Amino acid sequence: MTKAGITLIATFITTVFSISLVQADHFYKEAKEARKEWMENEREFHKHTHELEREDRKRFYEMEREERKHWEEMNREERKHQEEMYRELRKRN
C-alpha cells in the first residue's frame, strides 16, 4: 500500500470515529436535557399536588369549623330551652 492509501484509510477511520463520538455526545446531551425536563416536570407536579392538598386541608378545616359553630349554636339553643323549662317548673312549684 502506498503512503497516500494509508493516509486516506487513516483519515477515513478518524472521520468515522469522530462522527460516532459527535453522535454519541449529541445523544448524551439530549438524554441529559430530557432528564432535566423530566425532573422539572416532577417538581412542578409535586408542587401542584402539595398546593392542592393544602387547599383541601384548608377547606376541610373550614368545614369542620362551620360544623362546630353549628353544633355550638344548637347546644346553646338547647340549653336556653332547658333553662326556660326549668324556670317554668320552678314557677309552678
PDB file of N, CA and C in Angstrom:
ATOM      1  N   MET A   1       0.833  -1.171   0.000  1.00  0.00           N
ATOM      2  CA  MET A   1       0.000   0.000   0.000  1.00  0.00           C
ATOM      3  C   MET A   1       0.883   1.241   0.000  1.00  0.00           C
ATOM      4  N   THR A   2       0.408   2.210  -0.642  1.00  0.00           N
ATOM      5  CA  THR A   2       1.201   3.435  -0.742  1.00  0.00           C
ATOM      6  C   THR A   2       0.938   4.328   0.451  1.00  0.00           C
ATOM      7  N   LYS A   3       1.792   5.288   0.590  1.00  0.00           N
ATOM      8  CA  LYS A   3       1.663   6.235   1.689  1.00  0.00           C
ATOM      9  C   LYS A   3       0.342   7.007   1.590  1.00  0.00           C
ATOM     10  N   ALA A   4      -0.076   7.347   0.406  1.00  0.00           N
ATOM     11  CA  ALA A   4      -1.330   8.074   0.182  1.00  0.00           C
ATOM     12  C   ALA A   4      -2.518   7.197   0.571  1.00  0.00           C
ATOM     13  N   GLY A   5      -2.459   5.907   0.265  1.00  0.00           N
ATOM     14  CA  GLY A   5      -3.540   4.981   0.604  1.00  0.00           C
ATOM     15  C   GLY A   5      -3.685   4.822   2.106  1.00  0.00           C
ATOM     16  N   ILE A   6      -2.553   4.687   2.792  1.00  0.00           N
ATOM     17  CA  ILE A   6      -2.576   4.559   4.257  1.00  0.00           C
ATOM     18  C   ILE A   6      -3.125   5.837   4.879  1.00  0.00           C
ATOM     19  N   THR A   7      -2.707   6.984   4.380  1.00  0.00           N
ATOM     20  CA  THR A   7      -3.194   8.272   4.878  1.00  0.00           C
ATOM     21  C   THR A   7      -4.692   8.393   4.648  1.00  0.00           C
ATOM     22  N   LEU A   8      -5.147   7.957   3.484  1.00  0.00           N
ATOM     23  CA  LEU A   8      -6.575   8.009   3.163  1.00  0.00           C
ATOM     24  C   LEU A   8      -7.376   7.107   4.100  1.00  0.00           C
ATOM     25  N   ILE A   9      -6.888   5.894   4.338  1.00  0.00           N
ATOM     26  CA  ILE A   9      -7.578   4.961   5.244  1.00  0.00           C
ATOM     27  C   ILE A   9      -7.580   5.519   6.665  1.00  0.00           C
ATOM     28  N   ALA A  10      -6.455   6.060   7.123  1.00  0.00           N
ATOM     29  CA  ALA A  10      -6.369   6.641   8.466  1.00  0.00           C
ATOM     30  C   ALA A  10      -7.324   7.822   8.599  1.00  0.00           C
ATOM     31  N   THR A  11      -7.404   8.649   7.574  1.00  0.00           N
ATOM     32  CA  THR A  11      -8.322   9.793   7.586  1.00  0.00           C
ATOM     33  C   THR A  11      -9.767   9.317   7.634  1.00  0.00           C
ATOM     34  N   PHE A  12     -10.080   8.288   6.864  1.00  0.00           N
ATOM     35  CA  PHE A  12     -11.434   7.730   6.838  1.00  0.00           C
ATOM     36  C   PHE A  12     -11.816   7.170   8.212  1.00  0.00           C
ATOM     37  N   ILE A  13     -10.930   6.382   8.815  1.00  0.00           N
ATOM     38  CA  ILE A  13     -11.196   5.794  10.142  1.00  0.00           C
ATOM     39  C   ILE A  13     -11.348   6.899  11.183  1.00  0.00           C
ATOM     40  N   THR A  14     -10.491   7.896  11.142  1.00  0.00           N
ATOM     41  CA  THR A  14     -10.574   9.016  12.088  1.00  0.00           C
ATOM     42  C   THR A  14     -11.891   9.770  11.924  1.00  0.00           C
ATOM     43  N   THR A  15     -12.302   9.984  10.686  1.00  0.00           N
ATOM     44  CA  THR A  15     -13.557  10.685  10.412  1.00  0.00           C
ATOM     45  C   THR A  15     -14.744   9.889  10.940  1.00  0.00           C
ATOM     46  N   VAL A  16     -14.775   8.585  10.661  1.00  0.00           N
ATOM     47  CA  VAL A  16     -15.874   7.734  11.142  1.00  0.00           C
ATOM     48  C   VAL A  16     -15.911   7.739  12.664  1.00  0.00           C
ATOM     49  N   PHE A  17     -14.753   7.608  13.302  1.00  0.00           N
ATOM     50  CA  PHE A  17     -14.676   7.608  14.759  1.00  0.00           C
ATOM     51  C   PHE A  17     -15.145   8.947  15.326  1.00  0.00           C
ATOM     52  N   SER A  18     -14.735  10.042  14.701  1.00  0.00           N
ATOM     53  CA  SER A  18     -15.132  11.383  15.157  1.00  0.00           C
ATOM     54  C   SER A  18     -16.638  11.581  15.028  1.00  0.00           C
ATOM     55  N   ILE A  19     -17.195  11.129  13.904  1.00  0.00           N
ATOM     56  CA  ILE A  19     -18.649  11.240  13.700  1.00  0.00           C
ATOM     57  C   ILE A  19     -19.383  10.440  14.767  1.00  0.00           C
ATOM     58  N   SER A  20     -18.901   9.238  15.073  1.00  0.00           N
ATOM     59  CA  SER A  20     -19.526   8.411  16.110  1.00  0.00           C
ATOM     60  C   SER A  20     -19.476   9.107  17.459  1.00  0.00           C
ATOM     61  N   LEU A  21     -18.339   9.724  17.776  1.00  0.00           N
ATOM     62  CA  LEU A  21     -18.224  10.449  19.046  1.00  0.00           C
ATOM     63  C   LEU A  21     -19.174  11.636  19.102  1.00  0.00           C
ATOM     64  N   VAL A  22     -19.280  12.360  17.999  1.00  0.00           N
ATOM     65  CA  VAL A  22     -20.188  13.515  17.950  1.00  0.00           C
ATOM     66  C   VAL A  22     -21.628  13.053  18.122  1.00  0.00           C
ATOM     67  N   GLN A  23     -21.996  11.952  17.469  1.00  0.00           N
ATOM     68  CA  GLN A  23     -23.359  11.428  17.599  1.00  0.00           C
ATOM     69  C   GLN A  23     -23.617  10.961  19.026  1.00  0.00           C
ATOM     70  N   ALA A  24     -22.635  10.274  19.617  1.00  0.00           N
ATOM     71  CA  ALA A  24     -22.793   9.811  20.997  1.00  0.00           C
ATOM     72  C   ALA A  24     -22.917  11.000  21.941  1.00  0.00           C
ATOM     73  N   ASP A  25     -22.114  12.023  21.712  1.00  0.00           N
ATOM     74  CA  ASP A  25     -22.171  13.218  22.547  1.00  0.00           C
ATOM     75  C   ASP A  25     -23.524  13.907  22.401  1.00  0.00           C
ATOM     76  N   HIS A  26     -24.014  13.980  21.170  1.00  0.00           N
ATOM     77  CA  HIS A  26     -25.326  14.582  20.914  1.00  0.00           C
ATOM     78  C   HIS A  26     -26.419  13.785  21.634  1.00  0.00           C
ATOM     79  N   PHE A  27     -26.364  12.459  21.549  1.00  0.00           N
ATOM     80  CA  PHE A  27     -27.343  11.607  22.232  1.00  0.00           C
ATOM     81  C   PHE A  27     -27.274  11.830  23.741  1.00  0.00           C
ATOM     82  N   TYR A  28     -26.058  11.906  24.288  1.00  0.00           N
ATOM     83  CA  TYR A  28     -25.876  12.129  25.717  1.00  0.00           C
ATOM     84  C   TYR A  28     -26.475  13.469  26.137  1.00  0.00           C
ATOM     85  N   LYS A  29     -26.229  14.510  25.325  1.00  0.00           N
ATOM     86  CA  LYS A  29     -26.778  15.829  25.649  1.00  0.00           C
ATOM     87  C   LYS A  29     -28.303  15.818  25.607  1.00  0.00           C
ATOM     88  N   GLU A  30     -28.872  15.137  24.611  1.00  0.00           N
ATOM     89  CA  GLU A  30     -30.337  15.040  24.523  1.00  0.00           C
ATOM     90  C   GLU A  30     -30.896  14.283  25.717  1.00  0.00           C
ATOM     91  N   ALA A  31     -30.237  13.186  26.091  1.00  0.00           N
ATOM     92  CA  ALA A  31     -30.699  12.403  27.240  1.00  0.00           C
ATOM     93  C   ALA A  31     -30.611  13.233  28.522  1.00  0.00           C
ATOM     94  N   LYS A  32     -29.535  13.978  28.663  1.00  0.00           N
ATOM     95  CA  LYS A  32     -29.358  14.834  29.839  1.00  0.00           C
ATOM     96  C   LYS A  32     -30.445  15.909  29.885  1.00  0.00           C
ATOM     97  N   GLU A  33     -30.732  16.512  28.742  1.00  0.00           N
ATOM     98  CA  GLU A  33     -31.774  17.540  28.660  1.00  0.00           C
ATOM     99  C   GLU A  33     -33.153  16.947  28.964  1.00  0.00           C
ATOM    100  N   ALA A  34     -33.414  15.754  28.427  1.00  0.00           N
ATOM    101  CA  ALA A  34     -34.700  15.090  28.680  1.00  0.00           C
ATOM    102  C   ALA A  34     -34.853  14.776  30.165  1.00  0.00           C
ATOM    103  N   ARG A  35     -33.788  14.319  30.800  1.00  0.00           N
ATOM    104  CA  ARG A  35     -33.838  14.015  32.236  1.00  0.00           C
ATOM    105  C   ARG A  35     -34.079  15.301  33.035  1.00  0.00           C
ATOM    106  N   LYS A  36     -33.430  16.372  32.626  1.00  0.00           N
ATOM    107  CA  LYS A  36     -33.604  17.664  33.294  1.00  0.00           C
ATOM    108  C   LYS A  36     -35.060  18.126  33.190  1.00  0.00           C
ATOM    109  N   GLU A  37     -35.643  18.010  32.000  1.00  0.00           N
ATOM    110  CA  GLU A  37     -37.048  18.388  31.803  1.00  0.00           C
ATOM    111  C   GLU A  37     -37.968  17.504  32.635  1.00  0.00           C
ATOM    112  N   TRP A  38     -37.666  16.199  32.669  1.00  0.00           N
ATOM    113  CA  TRP A  38     -38.485  15.266  33.447  1.00  0.00           C
ATOM    114  C   TRP A  38     -38.447  15.635  34.927  1.00  0.00           C
ATOM    115  N   MET A  39     -37.251  15.950  35.436  1.00  0.00           N
ATOM    116  CA  MET A  39     -37.127  16.325  36.848  1.00  0.00           C
ATOM    117  C   MET A  39     -37.881  17.620  37.137  1.00  0.00           C
ATOM    118  N   GLU A  40     -37.822  18.561  36.217  1.00  0.00           N
ATOM    119  CA  GLU A  40     -38.556  19.819  36.388  1.00  0.00           C
ATOM    120  C   GLU A  40     -40.062  19.558  36.407  1.00  0.00           C
ATOM    121  N   ASN A  41     -40.529  18.691  35.507  1.00  0.00           N
ATOM    122  CA  ASN A  41     -41.948  18.329  35.486  1.00  0.00           C
ATOM    123  C   ASN A  41     -42.360  17.645  36.784  1.00  0.00           C
ATOM    124  N   GLU A  42     -41.498  16.771  37.299  1.00  0.00           N
ATOM    125  CA  GLU A  42     -41.784  16.107  38.576  1.00  0.00           C
ATOM    126  C   GLU A  42     -41.904  17.134  39.696  1.00  0.00           C
ATOM    127  N   ARG A  43     -40.977  18.087  39.730  1.00  0.00           N
ATOM    128  CA  ARG A  43     -41.032  19.128  40.764  1.00  0.00           C
ATOM    129  C   ARG A  43     -42.327  19.924  40.662  1.00  0.00           C
ATOM    130  N   GLU A  44     -42.683  20.308  39.447  1.00  0.00           N
ATOM    131  CA  GLU A  44     -43.922  21.068  39.252  1.00  0.00           C
ATOM    132  C   GLU A  44     -45.140  20.248  39.674  1.00  0.00           C
ATOM    133  N   PHE A  45     -45.136  18.955  39.319  1.00  0.00           N
ATOM    134  CA  PHE A  45     -46.253  18.081  39.679  1.00  0.00           C
ATOM    135  C   PHE A  45     -46.394  18.000  41.192  1.00  0.00           C
ATOM    136  N   HIS A  46     -45.273  17.763  41.892  1.00  0.00           N
ATOM    137  CA  HIS A  46     -45.332  17.644  43.348  1.00  0.00           C
ATOM    138  C   HIS A  46     -45.704  18.975  44.000  1.00  0.00           C
ATOM    139  N   LYS A  47     -45.210  20.056  43.437  1.00  0.00           N
ATOM    140  CA  LYS A  47     -45.564  21.375  43.961  1.00  0.00           C
ATOM    141  C   LYS A  47     -47.071  21.599  43.825  1.00  0.00           C
ATOM    142  N   HIS A  48     -47.601  21.287  42.643  1.00  0.00           N
ATOM    143  CA  HIS A  48     -49.034  21.451  42.401  1.00  0.00           C
ATOM    144  C   HIS A  48     -49.836  20.529  43.326  1.00  0.00           C
ATOM    145  N   THR A  49     -49.371  19.289  43.488  1.00  0.00           N
ATOM    146  CA  THR A  49     -50.055  18.334  44.358  1.00  0.00           C
ATOM    147  C   THR A  49     -50.098  18.850  45.789  1.00  0.00           C
ATOM    148  N   HIS A  50     -48.972  19.379  46.277  1.00  0.00           N
ATOM    149  CA  HIS A  50     -48.934  19.912  47.639  1.00  0.00           C
ATOM    150  C   HIS A  50     -49.862  21.115  47.786  1.00  0.00           C
ATOM    151  N   GLU A  51     -49.927  21.942  46.768  1.00  0.00           N
ATOM    152  CA  GLU A  51     -50.839  23.089  46.817  1.00  0.00           C
ATOM    153  C   GLU A  51     -52.287  22.615  46.908  1.00  0.00           C
ATOM    154  N   LEU A  52     -52.633  21.599  46.109  1.00  0.00           N
ATOM    155  CA  LEU A  52     -53.994  21.063  46.156  1.00  0.00           C
ATOM    156  C   LEU A  52     -54.295  20.450  47.515  1.00  0.00           C
ATOM    157  N   GLU A  53     -53.338  19.712  48.067  1.00  0.00           N
ATOM    158  CA  GLU A  53     -53.530  19.120  49.391  1.00  0.00           C
ATOM    159  C   GLU A  53     -53.732  20.205  50.441  1.00  0.00           C
ATOM    160  N   ARG A  54     -52.937  21.267  50.355  1.00  0.00           N
ATOM    161  CA  ARG A  54     -53.060  22.370  51.300  1.00  0.00           C
ATOM    162  C   ARG A  54     -54.441  23.022  51.193  1.00  0.00           C
ATOM    163  N   GLU A  55     -54.909  23.227  49.957  1.00  0.00           N
ATOM    164  CA  GLU A  55     -56.237  23.814  49.754  1.00  0.00           C
ATOM    165  C   GLU A  55     -57.330  22.889  50.290  1.00  0.00           C
ATOM    166  N   ASP A  56     -57.183  21.585  50.045  1.00  0.00           N
ATOM    167  CA  ASP A  56     -58.166  20.627  50.555  1.00  0.00           C
ATOM    168  C   ASP A  56     -58.200  20.636  52.078  1.00  0.00           C
ATOM    169  N   ARG A  57     -57.010  20.639  52.696  1.00  0.00           N
ATOM    170  CA  ARG A  57     -56.947  20.679  54.158  1.00  0.00           C
ATOM    171  C   ARG A  57     -57.601  21.945  54.686  1.00  0.00           C
ATOM    172  N   LYS A  58     -57.333  23.065  54.015  1.00  0.00           N
ATOM    173  CA  LYS A  58     -57.904  24.348  54.427  1.00  0.00           C
ATOM    174  C   LYS A  58     -59.432  24.294  54.346  1.00  0.00           C
ATOM    175  N   ARG A  59     -59.947  23.751  53.229  1.00  0.00           N
ATOM    176  CA  ARG A  59     -61.406  23.628  53.081  1.00  0.00           C
ATOM    177  C   ARG A  59     -61.990  22.704  54.143  1.00  0.00           C
ATOM    178  N   PHE A  60     -61.284  21.589  54.399  1.00  0.00           N
ATOM    179  CA  PHE A  60     -61.761  20.634  55.395  1.00  0.00           C
ATOM    180  C   PHE A  60     -61.822  21.282  56.780  1.00  0.00           C
ATOM    181  N   TYR A  61     -60.763  22.011  57.164  1.00  0.00           N
ATOM    182  CA  TYR A  61     -60.758  22.681  58.463  1.00  0.00           C
ATOM    183  C   TYR A  61     -61.857  23.732  58.540  1.00  0.00           C
ATOM    184  N   GLU A  62     -62.082  24.423  57.431  1.00  0.00           N
ATOM    185  CA  GLU A  62     -63.147  25.427  57.405  1.00  0.00           C
ATOM    186  C   GLU A  62     -64.516  24.758  57.592  1.00  0.00           C
ATOM    187  N   MET A  63     -64.719  23.627  56.912  1.00  0.00           N
ATOM    188  CA  MET A  63     -65.983  22.900  57.071  1.00  0.00           C
ATOM    189  C   MET A  63     -66.147  22.409  58.507  1.00  0.00           C
ATOM    190  N   GLU A  64     -65.068  21.902  59.099  1.00  0.00           N
ATOM    191  CA  GLU A  64     -65.134  21.457  60.493  1.00  0.00           C
ATOM    192  C   GLU A  64     -65.481  22.620  61.419  1.00  0.00           C
ATOM    193  N   ARG A  65     -64.872  23.757  61.169  1.00  0.00           N
ATOM    194  CA  ARG A  65     -65.129  24.940  61.989  1.00  0.00           C
ATOM    195  C   ARG A  65     -66.593  25.369  61.883  1.00  0.00           C
ATOM    196  N   GLU A  66     -67.110  25.375  60.660  1.00  0.00           N
ATOM    197  CA  GLU A  66     -68.516  25.731  60.461  1.00  0.00           C
ATOM    198  C   GLU A  66     -69.438  24.730  61.154  1.00  0.00           C
ATOM    199  N   GLU A  67     -69.078  23.455  61.048  1.00  0.00           N
ATOM    200  CA  GLU A  67     -69.900  22.430  61.696  1.00  0.00           C
ATOM    201  C   GLU A  67     -69.868  22.594  63.213  1.00  0.00           C
ATOM    202  N   ARG A  68     -68.681  22.880  63.762  1.00  0.00           N
ATOM    203  CA  ARG A  68     -68.562  23.117  65.206  1.00  0.00           C
ATOM    204  C   ARG A  68     -69.415  24.304  65.626  1.00  0.00           C
ATOM    205  N   LYS A  69     -69.360  25.384  64.838  1.00  0.00           N
ATOM    206  CA  LYS A  69     -70.185  26.562  65.137  1.00  0.00           C
ATOM    207  C   LYS A  69     -71.663  26.179  65.158  1.00  0.00           C
ATOM    208  N   HIS A  70     -72.048  25.408  64.161  1.00  0.00           N
ATOM    209  CA  HIS A  70     -73.438  24.983  64.064  1.00  0.00           C
ATOM    210  C   HIS A  70     -73.851  24.195  65.314  1.00  0.00           C
ATOM    211  N   TRP A  71     -73.015  23.219  65.715  1.00  0.00           N
ATOM    212  CA  TRP A  71     -73.353  22.414  66.892  1.00  0.00           C
ATOM    213  C   TRP A  71     -73.325  23.245  68.168  1.00  0.00           C
ATOM    214  N   GLU A  72     -72.413  24.179  68.264  1.00  0.00           N
ATOM    215  CA  GLU A  72     -72.373  25.053  69.434  1.00  0.00           C
ATOM    216  C   GLU A  72     -73.644  25.887  69.515  1.00  0.00           C
ATOM    217  N   GLU A  73     -74.078  26.387  68.367  1.00  0.00           N
ATOM    218  CA  GLU A  73     -75.321  27.165  68.334  1.00  0.00           C
ATOM    219  C   GLU A  73     -76.513  26.290  68.742  1.00  0.00           C
ATOM    220  N   MET A  74     -76.549  25.083  68.229  1.00  0.00           N
ATOM    221  CA  MET A  74     -77.648  24.175  68.594  1.00  0.00           C
ATOM    222  C   MET A  74     -77.605  23.849  70.083  1.00  0.00           C
ATOM    223  N   ASN A  75     -76.419  23.648  70.622  1.00  0.00           N
ATOM    224  CA  ASN A  75     -76.296  23.378  72.062  1.00  0.00           C
ATOM    225  C   ASN A  75     -76.745  24.579  72.885  1.00  0.00           C
ATOM    226  N   ARG A  76     -76.387  25.784  72.443  1.00  0.00           N
ATOM    227  CA  ARG A  76     -76.836  26.997  73.136  1.00  0.00           C
ATOM    228  C   ARG A  76     -78.360  27.082  73.139  1.00  0.00           C
ATOM    229  N   GLU A  77     -78.937  26.834  71.969  1.00  0.00           N
ATOM    230  CA  GLU A  77     -80.400  26.873  71.872  1.00  0.00           C
ATOM    231  C   GLU A  77     -81.031  25.821  72.787  1.00  0.00           C
ATOM    232  N   GLU A  78     -80.449  24.651  72.806  1.00  0.00           N
ATOM    233  CA  GLU A  78     -80.977  23.578  73.660  1.00  0.00           C
ATOM    234  C   GLU A  78     -80.861  23.955  75.135  1.00  0.00           C
ATOM    235  N   ARG A  79     -79.735  24.537  75.521  1.00  0.00           N
ATOM    236  CA  ARG A  79     -79.566  24.971  76.918  1.00  0.00           C
ATOM    237  C   ARG A  79     -80.578  26.062  77.275  1.00  0.00           C
ATOM    238  N   LYS A  80     -80.785  26.997  76.359  1.00  0.00           N
ATOM    239  CA  LYS A  80     -81.783  28.045  76.605  1.00  0.00           C
ATOM    240  C   LYS A  80     -83.154  27.424  76.827  1.00  0.00           C
ATOM    241  N   HIS A  81     -83.470  26.502  75.960  1.00  0.00           N
ATOM    242  CA  HIS A  81     -84.761  25.834  76.072  1.00  0.00           C
ATOM    243  C   HIS A  81     -84.873  25.100  77.411  1.00  0.00           C
ATOM    244  N   GLN A  82     -83.826  24.399  77.801  1.00  0.00           N
ATOM    245  CA  GLN A  82     -83.849  23.672  79.076  1.00  0.00           C
ATOM    246  C   GLN A  82     -83.956  24.633  80.258  1.00  0.00           C
ATOM    247  N   GLU A  83     -83.257  25.745  80.193  1.00  0.00           N
ATOM    248  CA  GLU A  83     -83.333  26.742  81.266  1.00  0.00           C
ATOM    249  C   GLU A  83     -84.744  27.316  81.365  1.00  0.00           C
ATOM    250  N   GLU A  84     -85.359  27.585  80.230  1.00  0.00           N
ATOM    251  CA  GLU A  84     -86.738  28.086  80.238  1.00  0.00           C
ATOM    252  C   GLU A  84     -87.678  27.056  80.851  1.00  0.00           C
ATOM    253  N   MET A  85     -87.481  25.817  80.468  1.00  0.00           N
ATOM    254  CA  MET A  85     -88.325  24.754  81.025  1.00  0.00           C
ATOM    255  C   MET A  85     -88.123  24.657  82.537  1.00  0.00           C
ATOM    256  N   TYR A  86     -86.889  24.766  82.970  1.00  0.00           N
ATOM    257  CA  TYR A  86     -86.577  24.689  84.392  1.00  0.00           C
ATOM    258  C   TYR A  86     -87.214  25.858  85.145  1.00  0.00           C
ATOM    259  N   ARG A  87     -87.154  27.056  84.574  1.00  0.00           N
ATOM    260  CA  ARG A  87     -87.781  28.230  85.192  1.00  0.00           C
ATOM    261  C   ARG A  87     -89.287  28.051  85.321  1.00  0.00           C
ATOM    262  N   GLU A  88     -89.892  27.541  84.259  1.00  0.00           N
ATOM    263  CA  GLU A  88     -91.338  27.311  84.299  1.00  0.00           C
ATOM    264  C   GLU A  88     -91.697  26.306  85.378  1.00  0.00           C
ATOM    265  N   LEU A  89     -90.895  25.274  85.485  1.00  0.00           N
ATOM    266  CA  LEU A  89     -91.147  24.275  86.528  1.00  0.00           C
ATOM    267  C   LEU A  89     -91.001  24.883  87.918  1.00  0.00           C
ATOM    268  N   ARG A  90     -90.030  25.730  88.088  1.00  0.00           N
ATOM    269  CA  ARG A  90     -89.822  26.372  89.391  1.00  0.00           C
ATOM    270  C   ARG A  90     -90.971  27.320  89.715  1.00  0.00           C
ATOM    271  N   LYS A  91     -91.481  28.006  88.694  1.00  0.00           N
ATOM    272  CA  LYS A  91     -92.599  28.918  88.907  1.00  0.00           C
ATOM    273  C   LYS A  91     -93.837  28.146  89.356  1.00  0.00           C
ATOM    274  N   ARG A  92     -94.032  27.010  88.776  1.00  0.00           N
ATOM    275  CA  ARG A  92     -95.205  26.199  89.097  1.00  0.00           C
ATOM    276  C   ARG A  92     -95.119  25.645  90.518  1.00  0.00           C
ATOM    277  N   ASN A  93     -93.928  25.354  90.911  1.00  0.00           N
ATOM    278  CA  ASN A  93     -93.776  24.751  92.248  1.00  0.00           C
ATOM    279  C   ASN A  93     -93.699  25.773  93.283  1.00  0.00           C
TER     280      ASN A  93
END
